[in-house]
Amino acid sequence: ANPIEVYHGVDRSTTFSGRQDGVSFFRVKSEGGSWGEPLKVVIQHHSLGEALIYLAAGAAVFLSTAALVIFGHIQHRREGLHQ
């Protein structure tokens, strides 16, 4: 495969997203310098089932936290009215 330039700039770190599963190789080159050694990057996404479990767990934590805040606020208002 022919190499392609995926970034050119002055950032000291860059994030790539949307990559497909597989193996990619990256090299860096400083301005006016030589190419670094190739770095092998293996991309392996979670399965859909595992991703849905993480989504459900995050939703449960969010909803529990929201419920605690709302019910705590209601309880605080009720206690304030009875004084």
Protein backbone atom coordinates (compact mmCIF):
# COMPACT_ATOMS: atom_id res chain seq x y z
CA ALA A 1 0.00 0.00 0.00
CA ASN A 2 1.19 3.48 -0.76
CA PRO A 3 1.62 5.76 2.25
CA ILE A 4 -0.68 8.76 2.57
CA GLU A 5 -0.28 11.88 4.67
CA VAL A 6 -3.06 12.02 7.26
CA TYR A 7 -1.90 15.08 9.18
CA HIS A 8 0.45 18.00 8.61
CA GLY A 9 0.77 20.70 11.24
CA VAL A 10 2.27 21.83 14.53
CA ASP A 11 0.17 19.88 17.06
CA ARG A 12 2.17 17.81 19.51
CA SER A 13 -0.62 15.23 19.69
CA THR A 14 -3.43 14.31 17.35
CA THR A 15 -6.47 12.04 17.69
CA PHE A 16 -7.90 10.03 14.83
CA SER A 17 -11.43 8.64 15.00
CA GLY A 18 -13.67 6.66 12.72
CA ARG A 19 -10.98 4.11 11.88
CA GLN A 20 -12.07 0.61 10.85
CA ASP A 21 -10.82 -2.54 12.58
CA GLY A 22 -7.45 -3.60 11.29
CA VAL A 23 -3.76 -2.83 11.40
CA SER A 24 -2.27 0.52 10.43
CA PHE A 25 1.27 1.80 10.47
CA PHE A 26 2.16 5.39 11.29
CA ARG A 27 5.41 7.33 11.07
CA VAL A 28 6.23 10.85 12.14
CA LYS A 29 8.60 13.33 10.61
CA SER A 30 9.74 16.56 12.16
CA GLU A 31 9.95 19.62 9.93
CA GLY A 32 13.23 19.30 8.06
CA GLY A 33 14.02 16.02 9.84
CA SER A 34 13.96 12.38 8.86
CA TRP A 35 11.14 9.86 9.20
CA GLY A 36 10.79 7.96 12.45
CA GLU A 37 10.42 4.20 12.66
CA PRO A 38 6.98 2.83 11.70
CA LEU A 39 4.60 2.35 14.63
CA LYS A 40 2.10 -0.49 14.33
CA VAL A 41 -1.41 0.35 15.59
CA VAL A 42 -4.01 -2.41 15.95
CA ILE A 43 -7.60 -1.18 15.95
CA GLN A 44 -10.11 -3.56 17.47
CA HIS A 45 -13.49 -2.17 18.45
CA HIS A 46 -15.72 -3.59 21.17
CA SER A 47 -18.52 -5.84 20.00
CA LEU A 48 -21.94 -4.25 19.62
CA GLY A 49 -23.21 -6.25 22.61
CA GLU A 50 -20.40 -4.99 24.83
CA ALA A 51 -20.94 -1.41 23.65
CA LEU A 52 -24.65 -1.69 24.49
CA ILE A 53 -23.79 -2.98 27.99
CA TYR A 54 -21.55 0.08 28.54
CA LEU A 55 -24.32 2.33 27.23
CA ALA A 56 -26.89 0.75 29.57
CA ALA A 57 -24.54 1.02 32.57
CA GLY A 58 -23.87 4.69 31.82
CA ALA A 59 -27.60 5.36 31.44
CA ALA A 60 -28.31 3.64 34.77
CA VAL A 61 -25.68 5.74 36.56
CA PHE A 62 -26.98 8.94 34.95
CA LEU A 63 -30.63 8.20 35.78
CA SER A 64 -29.77 7.20 39.36
CA THR A 65 -27.81 10.41 39.88
CA ALA A 66 -30.58 12.54 38.37
CA ALA A 67 -33.19 10.80 40.56
CA LEU A 68 -31.12 11.40 43.71
CA VAL A 69 -30.72 15.09 42.88
CA ILE A 70 -34.41 15.57 42.08
CA PHE A 71 -35.72 13.65 45.10
CA GLY A 72 -33.17 15.33 47.36
CA HIS A 73 -34.33 18.73 46.12
CA ILE A 74 -38.00 17.80 46.69
CA GLN A 75 -37.24 16.51 50.19
CA HIS A 76 -35.28 19.66 51.02
CA ARG A 77 -38.19 21.86 49.89
CA ARG A 78 -40.69 19.82 51.95
CA GLU A 79 -38.54 20.09 55.06
CA GLY A 80 -38.24 23.83 54.52
CA LEU A 81 -42.03 24.21 54.32
CA HIS A 82 -42.61 22.37 57.62
CA GLN A 83 -40.37 24.64 59.67
